[in-house]
Protein backbone atom coordinates (compact mmCIF):
# COMPACT_ATOMS: atom_id res chain seq x y z
CA MET A 1 0.00 0.00 0.00
CA ARG A 2 1.37 3.41 -1.02
CA ILE A 3 0.52 6.18 1.42
CA ILE A 4 2.46 9.34 0.71
CA LYS A 5 1.92 11.70 3.60
CA TYR A 6 4.65 14.14 4.59
CA GLU A 7 7.62 14.99 2.44
CA CYS A 8 8.81 17.94 4.58
CA VAL A 9 8.15 18.58 8.25
CA PHE A 10 9.32 20.78 11.11
CA VAL A 11 11.25 18.67 13.57
CA LYS A 12 11.15 19.88 17.17
CA TYR A 13 14.03 19.51 19.62
CA GLU A 14 16.33 18.29 16.85
CA ILE A 15 14.69 14.85 16.76
CA ALA A 16 13.52 13.28 13.51
CA ILE A 17 11.68 9.97 13.39
CA LEU A 18 12.45 7.84 10.37
CA LEU A 19 9.66 5.32 9.92
CA SER A 20 11.36 3.17 7.30
CA VAL A 21 13.90 1.88 9.85
CA PHE A 22 11.74 2.17 12.98
CA LYS A 23 14.21 4.07 15.14
CA PHE A 24 15.04 7.63 16.21
CA LEU A 25 17.62 9.84 14.56
CA PHE A 26 19.10 12.49 16.81
CA VAL A 27 20.11 15.39 14.56
CA ASN A 28 23.13 17.19 16.00
CA ASN A 29 24.95 18.52 12.96
CA LEU A 30 24.43 19.88 9.47
CA GLN A 31 25.75 16.89 7.59
CA PRO A 32 23.43 14.68 5.52
CA LEU A 33 22.47 11.64 7.56
CA GLU A 34 22.35 8.42 5.58
CA LEU A 35 20.63 5.30 6.80
CA GLY A 36 19.79 2.45 4.47
CA GLN A 37 17.96 3.76 1.41
CA TRP A 38 17.03 7.16 2.86
CA THR A 39 18.96 10.40 3.31
CA ALA A 40 17.99 13.26 5.62
CA HIS A 41 19.34 16.70 4.66
CA ILE A 42 19.34 19.35 7.38
CA GLN A 43 18.92 22.95 6.24
CA PRO A 44 21.01 25.36 8.37
CA PRO A 45 19.36 28.55 9.67
CA ALA A 46 20.37 31.97 8.36
CA ASN A 47 22.53 32.78 11.41
CA GLY A 48 24.37 29.47 11.13
CA LYS A 49 23.27 28.31 14.58
CA LEU A 50 21.07 25.40 15.46
CA SER A 51 17.97 26.29 17.44
CA ILE A 52 16.43 23.98 19.99
CA GLU A 53 13.01 25.35 19.00
CA GLU A 54 12.60 24.02 15.46
CA GLN A 55 14.79 22.79 12.64
CA PHE A 56 13.58 22.25 9.08
CA VAL A 57 14.36 18.81 7.74
CA CYS A 58 13.52 17.20 4.41
CA PHE A 59 13.86 13.48 3.85
CA VAL A 60 14.58 12.55 0.24
CA SER A 61 14.62 9.01 -1.11
CA LEU A 62 17.79 8.15 -2.99
CA SER A 63 15.46 6.86 -5.73
CA ARG A 64 13.82 10.33 -5.78
CA PHE A 65 10.49 9.16 -4.49
CA ALA A 66 8.72 10.86 -1.63
CA VAL A 67 9.32 9.59 1.88
CA ARG A 68 6.53 8.70 4.28
CA LEU A 69 7.10 10.32 7.66
CA PRO A 70 5.09 9.64 10.83
CA PHE A 71 4.08 13.25 11.56
CA LEU A 72 0.95 12.55 13.61
CA MET A 73 -2.07 14.70 12.79
CA ARG A 74 -4.90 14.51 15.29
CA LEU A 75 -8.37 13.93 13.94
CA ASP A 76 -9.79 16.82 15.96
CA GLU A 77 -7.66 19.17 13.82
CA LEU A 78 -10.18 18.46 11.04
CA ASP A 79 -13.23 19.33 13.11
CA TYR A 80 -15.81 22.08 12.69
CA HIS A 81 -19.34 22.67 13.94
CA LEU A 82 -22.24 22.19 11.52
CA PRO A 83 -25.90 22.55 12.53
CA ARG A 84 -27.88 19.51 11.37
CA GLU A 85 -30.38 21.70 9.54
CA GLN A 86 -27.65 22.70 7.07
CA ILE A 87 -27.17 19.11 5.88
CA ALA A 88 -28.97 19.05 2.54
CA GLN A 89 -31.63 16.34 2.53
CA ARG A 90 -32.75 16.85 -1.07
CA PRO A 91 -31.30 18.41 -4.19
CA LEU A 92 -32.41 21.81 -5.41
CA ASP A 93 -34.88 21.96 -8.28
CA ARG A 94 -32.09 22.89 -10.70
CA ARG A 95 -28.61 21.44 -10.56
CA GLU A 96 -26.87 24.75 -11.29
CA ALA A 97 -28.82 26.63 -8.60
CA SER A 98 -26.29 25.67 -5.92
CA ARG A 99 -24.14 28.26 -4.22
CA LEU A 100 -20.40 28.28 -4.78
CA LEU A 101 -17.68 29.51 -2.45
CA PHE A 102 -14.76 30.69 -4.59
CA MET A 103 -11.41 30.50 -2.74
CA ASP A 104 -7.84 31.44 -3.55
CA ARG A 105 -5.65 28.65 -2.17
CA SER A 106 -2.60 30.89 -1.76
CA SER A 107 -4.15 33.77 0.18
CA GLY A 108 -7.15 31.98 1.65
CA LEU A 109 -9.45 34.78 0.45
CA PHE A 110 -12.92 33.70 -0.61
CA GLU A 111 -16.11 35.15 -2.05
CA ASP A 112 -19.70 33.98 -2.38
CA GLN A 113 -20.92 33.05 -5.84
CA PHE A 114 -23.49 30.78 -7.48
CA PHE A 115 -22.58 27.70 -9.46
CA ALA A 116 -24.41 29.13 -12.48
CA GLU A 117 -21.44 31.54 -12.71
CA PHE A 118 -18.89 28.72 -12.80
CA PRO A 119 -18.15 29.03 -16.56
CA SER A 120 -17.34 32.73 -16.17
CA LEU A 121 -15.01 32.01 -13.23
CA LEU A 122 -12.74 29.91 -15.44
CA ARG A 123 -9.70 31.42 -17.14
CA GLY A 124 -10.59 29.74 -20.41
CA ASP A 125 -7.49 27.58 -20.90
CA GLU A 126 -8.13 24.96 -18.21
CA LEU A 127 -8.40 21.23 -18.67
CA LEU A 128 -11.36 19.99 -16.62
CA VAL A 129 -11.21 16.34 -15.51
CA PHE A 130 -14.53 14.66 -14.65
CA ASN A 131 -15.24 11.30 -13.02
CA ASN A 132 -17.80 9.56 -15.25
CA ALA A 133 -18.57 6.73 -12.81
CA ARG A 134 -22.23 5.76 -12.63
CA VAL A 135 -23.86 4.95 -9.27
CA ILE A 136 -25.49 1.53 -9.06
CA PRO A 137 -28.51 0.73 -6.83
CA ALA A 138 -26.15 -0.80 -4.28
CA ARG A 139 -28.56 -1.27 -1.34
CA LEU A 140 -30.55 -4.51 -1.43
CA PHE A 141 -33.11 -5.91 1.01
CA GLY A 142 -33.69 -9.64 1.15
CA ARG A 143 -34.53 -12.49 3.50
CA ARG A 144 -32.44 -15.31 4.84
CA ALA A 145 -33.07 -18.77 3.45
CA GLY A 146 -32.09 -20.19 6.85
CA VAL A 147 -29.41 -22.58 5.60
CA GLN A 148 -27.14 -21.73 8.53
CA SER A 149 -29.79 -20.55 11.00
CA GLN A 150 -29.00 -20.54 14.70
CA PRO A 151 -31.68 -21.22 17.33
CA PRO A 152 -33.36 -17.89 18.16
CA SER A 153 -32.99 -16.29 21.57
CA ARG A 154 -35.72 -14.24 23.21
CA ALA A 155 -33.93 -11.04 22.13
CA THR A 156 -33.61 -12.12 18.49
CA ARG A 157 -36.89 -14.02 18.03
CA SER A 158 -38.54 -11.31 15.94
CA GLU A 159 -35.43 -11.05 13.79
CA HIS A 160 -35.52 -14.77 13.11
CA LEU A 161 -39.20 -14.72 12.28
CA THR A 162 -38.71 -12.07 9.59
CA GLY A 163 -35.19 -13.02 8.49
CA LYS A 164 -34.67 -9.57 6.98
CA VAL A 165 -31.20 -8.85 5.61
CA GLU A 166 -29.78 -5.59 4.29
CA ILE A 167 -26.88 -5.84 1.85
CA PHE A 168 -24.79 -2.89 0.77
CA LEU A 169 -22.59 -3.72 -2.20
CA THR A 170 -19.14 -2.22 -1.85
CA ARG A 171 -16.85 -3.74 -4.48
CA GLU A 172 -17.27 -5.90 -7.57
CA LEU A 173 -14.84 -8.82 -7.80
CA ASP A 174 -16.46 -10.21 -10.94
CA PRO A 175 -19.98 -9.84 -12.43
CA GLU A 176 -21.36 -12.47 -10.02
CA THR A 177 -19.18 -11.91 -6.95
CA TRP A 178 -19.19 -8.84 -4.72
CA GLU A 179 -17.82 -7.69 -1.41
CA ALA A 180 -20.65 -6.26 0.66
CA LEU A 181 -21.58 -4.99 4.09
CA VAL A 182 -24.29 -7.22 5.53
CA ARG A 183 -26.67 -6.48 8.38
CA PRO A 184 -27.23 -8.27 10.71
CA GLY A 185 -23.73 -9.52 10.05
CA ARG A 186 -23.36 -11.83 13.02
CA LYS A 187 -26.08 -14.14 11.69
CA MET A 188 -24.66 -14.44 8.20
CA GLN A 189 -22.35 -17.43 8.32
CA VAL A 190 -20.45 -18.89 5.36
CA GLY A 191 -22.89 -20.92 3.29
CA GLU A 192 -25.95 -18.88 4.27
CA ARG A 193 -28.19 -17.81 1.40
CA VAL A 194 -30.29 -14.69 0.90
CA LEU A 195 -33.31 -14.42 -1.41
CA PHE A 196 -34.42 -11.20 -3.09
CA GLY A 197 -37.74 -10.23 -4.65
CA GLU A 198 -39.79 -13.35 -5.28
CA GLY A 199 -36.68 -15.49 -5.26
CA GLU A 200 -35.48 -14.56 -8.73
CA LEU A 201 -32.15 -13.41 -7.27
CA GLU A 202 -30.14 -15.28 -4.67
CA ALA A 203 -26.85 -14.63 -2.89
CA GLU A 204 -24.59 -17.08 -1.09
CA VAL A 205 -22.06 -16.06 1.57
CA LEU A 206 -18.63 -17.26 0.44
CA ALA A 207 -16.42 -15.65 3.06
CA ARG A 208 -16.56 -13.51 6.19
CA GLY A 209 -14.58 -10.34 6.78
CA GLN A 210 -14.38 -7.78 9.56
CA LEU A 211 -17.07 -5.30 10.60
CA GLY A 212 -19.89 -7.05 8.78
CA MET A 213 -18.02 -7.45 5.48
CA ARG A 214 -18.92 -10.54 3.44
CA THR A 215 -18.03 -11.94 0.04
CA LEU A 216 -21.22 -12.89 -1.81
CA ARG A 217 -21.90 -14.84 -4.98
CA PHE A 218 -25.13 -13.86 -6.74
CA ILE A 219 -27.24 -16.27 -8.77
CA SER A 220 -30.02 -15.32 -11.17
CA HIS A 221 -32.96 -17.72 -11.36
CA ASP A 222 -34.47 -16.24 -14.50
CA GLN A 223 -33.30 -14.75 -17.79
CA SER A 224 -32.17 -11.44 -16.27
CA SER A 225 -28.52 -10.69 -15.60
CA ILE A 226 -27.22 -9.94 -12.12
CA SER A 227 -26.84 -6.24 -12.97
CA GLN A 228 -30.40 -6.12 -14.30
CA HIS A 229 -31.66 -7.55 -11.02
CA PHE A 230 -29.67 -4.91 -9.12
CA GLU A 231 -31.27 -2.15 -11.22
CA ARG A 232 -34.78 -3.47 -10.54
CA LEU A 233 -34.49 -4.61 -6.92
CA GLY A 234 -31.80 -2.26 -5.58
CA HIS A 235 -32.14 1.08 -3.85
CA VAL A 236 -30.11 4.25 -4.38
CA PRO A 237 -27.27 4.18 -1.80
CA LEU A 238 -27.93 7.57 -0.23
CA PRO A 239 -25.37 8.42 2.46
CA PRO A 240 -26.47 7.99 6.10
CA TYR A 241 -26.63 11.73 6.82
CA ILE A 242 -29.56 11.97 4.37
CA ASP A 243 -32.23 10.99 6.87
CA ARG A 244 -34.88 9.57 4.57
CA ALA A 245 -35.54 6.62 2.30
CA ASP A 246 -34.48 6.89 -1.32
CA GLU A 247 -37.09 8.11 -3.79
CA THR A 248 -37.61 7.63 -7.51
CA SER A 249 -36.17 11.09 -8.21
CA ASP A 250 -32.87 10.09 -6.56
CA ARG A 251 -32.19 7.71 -9.43
CA GLU A 252 -31.72 10.76 -11.61
CA ARG A 253 -30.48 13.41 -9.19
CA TYR A 254 -27.95 11.24 -7.33
CA GLN A 255 -26.26 10.74 -10.70
CA THR A 256 -24.20 13.15 -12.79
CA VAL A 257 -25.41 14.06 -16.29
CA PHE A 258 -22.14 12.64 -17.67
CA ALA A 259 -22.29 9.31 -15.76
CA LYS A 260 -21.43 6.43 -18.09
CA ARG A 261 -19.66 3.54 -16.42
CA PRO A 262 -21.63 1.71 -13.68
CA GLY A 263 -19.91 0.46 -10.55
CA ALA A 264 -19.78 3.33 -8.04
CA ILE A 265 -21.60 3.00 -4.72
CA ALA A 266 -21.62 6.75 -4.09
CA ALA A 267 -21.87 9.71 -6.45
CA PRO A 268 -18.88 11.89 -7.34
CA THR A 269 -20.89 14.72 -5.83
CA ALA A 270 -18.99 17.70 -7.25
CA GLY A 271 -20.32 16.63 -10.63
CA LEU A 272 -23.95 16.81 -9.49
CA HIS A 273 -24.01 20.59 -10.05
CA PHE A 274 -23.39 20.33 -13.78
CA SER A 275 -26.32 20.50 -16.18
CA THR A 276 -26.07 20.03 -19.94
CA GLU A 277 -26.48 23.81 -20.29
CA ILE A 278 -23.54 24.52 -17.98
CA LEU A 279 -21.37 22.06 -19.91
CA GLU A 280 -22.27 23.78 -23.18
CA LYS A 281 -21.27 27.16 -21.71
CA ILE A 282 -17.96 25.72 -20.54
CA ARG A 283 -17.17 24.34 -23.99
CA ALA A 284 -18.21 27.63 -25.58
CA ARG A 285 -15.47 29.34 -23.58
CA GLY A 286 -12.91 27.04 -25.15
CA VAL A 287 -12.30 25.05 -21.99
CA GLU A 288 -11.21 21.46 -22.65
CA ILE A 289 -12.99 18.58 -20.93
CA CYS A 290 -11.85 15.00 -20.41
CA GLU A 291 -13.01 12.06 -18.30
CA LEU A 292 -11.67 9.26 -16.15
CA THR A 293 -13.46 6.60 -14.13
CA LEU A 294 -13.03 5.97 -10.41
CA HIS A 295 -15.66 3.71 -8.87
CA VAL A 296 -16.35 5.40 -5.57
CA GLY A 297 -16.26 2.85 -2.76
CA LEU A 298 -15.40 2.49 0.91
CA GLY A 299 -12.08 4.25 0.39
CA THR A 300 -13.88 7.55 -0.15
CA PHE A 301 -16.41 7.64 2.64
CA GLN A 302 -15.37 5.16 5.33
CA PRO A 303 -15.03 7.00 8.67
CA ILE A 304 -11.69 7.37 10.40
CA HIS A 305 -11.92 5.35 13.62
CA GLY A 306 -8.59 6.24 15.25
CA GLU A 307 -7.47 9.48 16.85
CA THR A 308 -4.88 10.26 14.21
CA LEU A 309 -4.92 10.20 10.41
CA GLU A 310 -1.94 7.85 10.39
CA SER A 311 -3.98 5.10 12.07
CA HIS A 312 -6.44 4.99 9.17
CA VAL A 313 -6.17 2.40 6.40
CA MET A 314 -7.66 3.41 3.05
CA HIS A 315 -9.68 0.87 1.11
CA ALA A 316 -8.69 0.45 -2.51
CA GLU A 317 -10.85 1.98 -5.23
CA SER A 318 -10.51 0.88 -8.85
CA TYR A 319 -10.01 3.50 -11.54
CA GLU A 320 -9.17 3.74 -15.21
CA ILE A 321 -7.55 6.52 -17.20
CA LEU A 322 -7.77 6.06 -20.95
CA ALA A 323 -4.72 6.77 -23.08
CA GLU A 324 -6.51 9.69 -24.74
CA THR A 325 -7.18 11.28 -21.35
CA ALA A 326 -3.57 10.76 -20.25
CA ASP A 327 -2.39 12.41 -23.47
CA ARG A 328 -4.64 15.43 -22.88
CA ILE A 329 -3.35 15.79 -19.34
CA GLN A 330 0.24 15.62 -20.59
CA ALA A 331 -0.44 18.21 -23.29
CA ALA A 332 -2.07 20.58 -20.81
CA ARG A 333 0.87 20.31 -18.40
CA ASP A 334 3.40 20.80 -21.20
CA ALA A 335 1.53 23.92 -22.37
CA GLY A 336 1.37 25.35 -18.85
CA ARG A 337 -2.41 25.07 -18.72
CA PRO A 338 -4.01 24.40 -15.31
CA ILE A 339 -5.66 21.04 -14.67
CA LEU A 340 -8.86 21.44 -12.67
CA ALA A 341 -10.25 18.30 -11.03
CA ILE A 342 -14.01 18.03 -10.68
CA GLY A 343 -14.23 16.36 -7.29
CA THR A 344 -11.93 14.64 -4.84
CA THR A 345 -12.35 11.29 -6.60
CA ALA A 346 -10.79 12.75 -9.75
CA VAL A 347 -7.95 14.11 -7.59
CA ARG A 348 -7.30 10.71 -6.06
CA ALA A 349 -7.16 8.97 -9.45
CA LEU A 350 -4.95 11.64 -11.04
CA GLU A 351 -2.46 11.83 -8.20
CA ASP A 352 -2.29 8.06 -7.83
CA ALA A 353 -1.60 7.70 -11.57
CA ALA A 354 1.08 10.40 -11.31
CA LEU A 355 2.72 8.60 -8.43
CA ARG A 356 2.72 5.35 -10.39
CA ALA A 357 4.29 7.18 -13.32
CA ALA A 358 7.06 8.54 -11.10
CA GLU A 359 7.71 5.15 -9.52
CA SER A 360 7.96 3.46 -12.92
CA GLY A 361 10.39 6.07 -14.24
CA SER A 362 7.95 7.07 -16.96
CA ALA A 363 8.37 10.40 -18.70
CA ASN A 364 4.60 10.80 -18.69
CA LEU A 365 2.84 12.85 -16.03
CA VAL A 366 0.25 10.11 -15.43
CA LEU A 367 0.05 6.47 -16.43
CA SER A 368 -2.97 5.34 -18.41
CA GLY A 369 -4.78 2.07 -17.83
CA LYS A 370 -6.56 0.38 -14.94
CA ALA A 371 -5.28 0.51 -11.38
CA GLU A 372 -6.37 0.64 -7.76
CA ALA A 373 -5.99 3.81 -5.72
CA ARG A 374 -4.89 3.31 -2.13
CA LEU A 375 -3.43 6.79 -1.87
CA PHE A 376 -4.26 8.65 1.35
CA ILE A 377 -3.78 12.38 0.76
CA VAL A 378 -3.27 14.48 3.89
CA PRO A 379 -1.66 17.86 4.63
CA GLY A 380 1.94 17.84 3.47
CA PHE A 381 1.24 15.93 0.26
CA ARG A 382 2.85 17.32 -2.90
CA PHE A 383 0.35 17.51 -5.74
CA ARG A 384 1.85 16.63 -9.08
CA VAL A 385 -1.15 17.14 -11.39
CA VAL A 386 -4.03 19.08 -9.89
CA LYS A 387 -3.90 22.89 -9.88
CA GLY A 388 -7.57 23.58 -9.21
CA LEU A 389 -10.41 21.76 -7.47
CA LEU A 390 -14.19 21.91 -7.50
CA THR A 391 -15.58 20.02 -4.52
CA ASN A 392 -18.57 19.83 -2.22
CA PHE A 393 -18.32 20.58 1.50
CA HIS A 394 -17.25 17.46 3.38
CA LEU A 395 -17.87 15.88 6.76
CA PRO A 396 -15.66 16.93 9.68
CA ARG A 397 -12.94 14.48 10.66
CA SER A 398 -13.04 12.76 7.26
CA THR A 399 -10.49 11.63 4.68
CA LEU A 400 -12.10 13.94 2.10
CA LEU A 401 -11.69 17.00 4.30
CA ALA A 402 -8.07 15.95 4.88
CA LEU A 403 -7.56 15.92 1.10
CA VAL A 404 -9.03 19.40 0.67
CA CYS A 405 -6.87 20.69 3.54
CA ALA A 406 -3.83 19.16 1.86
CA PHE A 407 -4.65 21.07 -1.31
CA ALA A 408 -5.51 24.49 0.14
CA GLY A 409 -4.17 24.52 3.71
CA ARG A 410 -6.03 23.51 6.85
CA GLU A 411 -6.41 27.03 8.23
CA HIS A 412 -7.69 28.40 4.91
CA VAL A 413 -10.14 25.56 4.43
CA LEU A 414 -11.56 25.62 7.95
CA ALA A 415 -11.94 29.41 7.78
CA ALA A 416 -13.90 29.00 4.55
CA TYR A 417 -16.01 26.24 6.10
CA ASN A 418 -16.83 28.39 9.12
CA HIS A 419 -17.88 31.20 6.78
CA ALA A 420 -20.05 28.76 4.81
CA VAL A 421 -21.77 27.66 8.01
CA GLU A 422 -22.42 31.26 9.08
CA ALA A 423 -23.64 32.19 5.59
CA GLY A 424 -26.14 29.32 5.51
CA TYR A 425 -24.57 27.14 2.82
CA ARG A 426 -26.02 23.66 2.33
CA PHE A 427 -23.58 20.84 3.08
CA TYR A 428 -22.57 17.40 1.81
CA SER A 429 -23.78 15.35 -1.15
CA TYR A 430 -26.85 17.36 -2.17
CA GLY A 431 -25.36 20.60 -0.89
CA ASP A 432 -23.36 23.53 -2.26
CA CYS A 433 -19.78 23.52 -3.54
CA GLN A 434 -16.39 25.17 -3.34
CA LEU A 435 -14.03 26.18 -6.15
CA ILE A 436 -10.38 26.33 -5.07
CA ARG A 437 -7.52 27.49 -7.26
């Protein structure tokens, strides 16, 4: 797993911790310190004297790759207060009616706008990168066939009588086999079967994982394919902070107008603001548009359970960048044109592909093809591709907020978030957005 976190840090009391060798380095001079495959270069202060307050140290891999340093960031450093009534429960009537907070990432200055003005806020020479993943109806409700039933207790008697099971698809292994969160998980033993609808779709538990995760094999008992059954029997996987059942309208509105490739279990929400009219205005300005696919999964929205970011393990998310898209990205970089990512999922795919390109020694900025992103972007990360970002407002203490803080600075981002709260912005998936450049 490749987690690039901090390439440069301030080291207090002349102590640097080098994770790759699991020991302490005590920095007492200005000479480069070599240990194994890593080198630590100490930058002397202007007056030539070492200070016991802080010394600036950069660790550089001898192979020129970034070094992962254990600079602990507490989760409460990504916290802010949001009244529940500002969590958007439904989309606005028109996609482009959302508000937009326009922020300069260097100065931290921001101004209130509307998303309808987004085309006019562009310079005109940008390359916009969209995530064209399509959300599948990933939430299924079925009933246990009772193959591996346990005798019911008094507390679980009603549960056994109904046998209701909720399955949330998280990752496709092949067209018939999926990883999924299952509830109630403790009753779902290997070999248990779940029936859906009138029995036309069936799932068998193949393996058990942690925290309710199961590997399921689906079987169709009629002429329909597994994906067709999902479309008919499944529910839109609205996030838990939307406190209502999914509705028919969510099948359209919890989907971008440019969604093409099914497999995501959550929407790339920054793209929800775009209407066909807005896209036409963007093209009319001469702005170039390209697409990639990242199937949003647990890696994007799984909560951080520890007290520090470093304790969190990112789940892999599959993505694909076509050769044509990689060529457009390369051409934009070579011409000095800014690359603006539409959403954090596009950022994760682009920066992961750039890291793979660097590791492989490729002359290309990003590698094309299919891959899995395990990249965890936190403050201190060096962005290789993205120069601008359109994104929704994210949950406190989340990996997505950490990514935005890495791009624009924690203090700048939290100041903008506090302004958005005071100004009555709508938050999260169906909420308003932020343009950062």
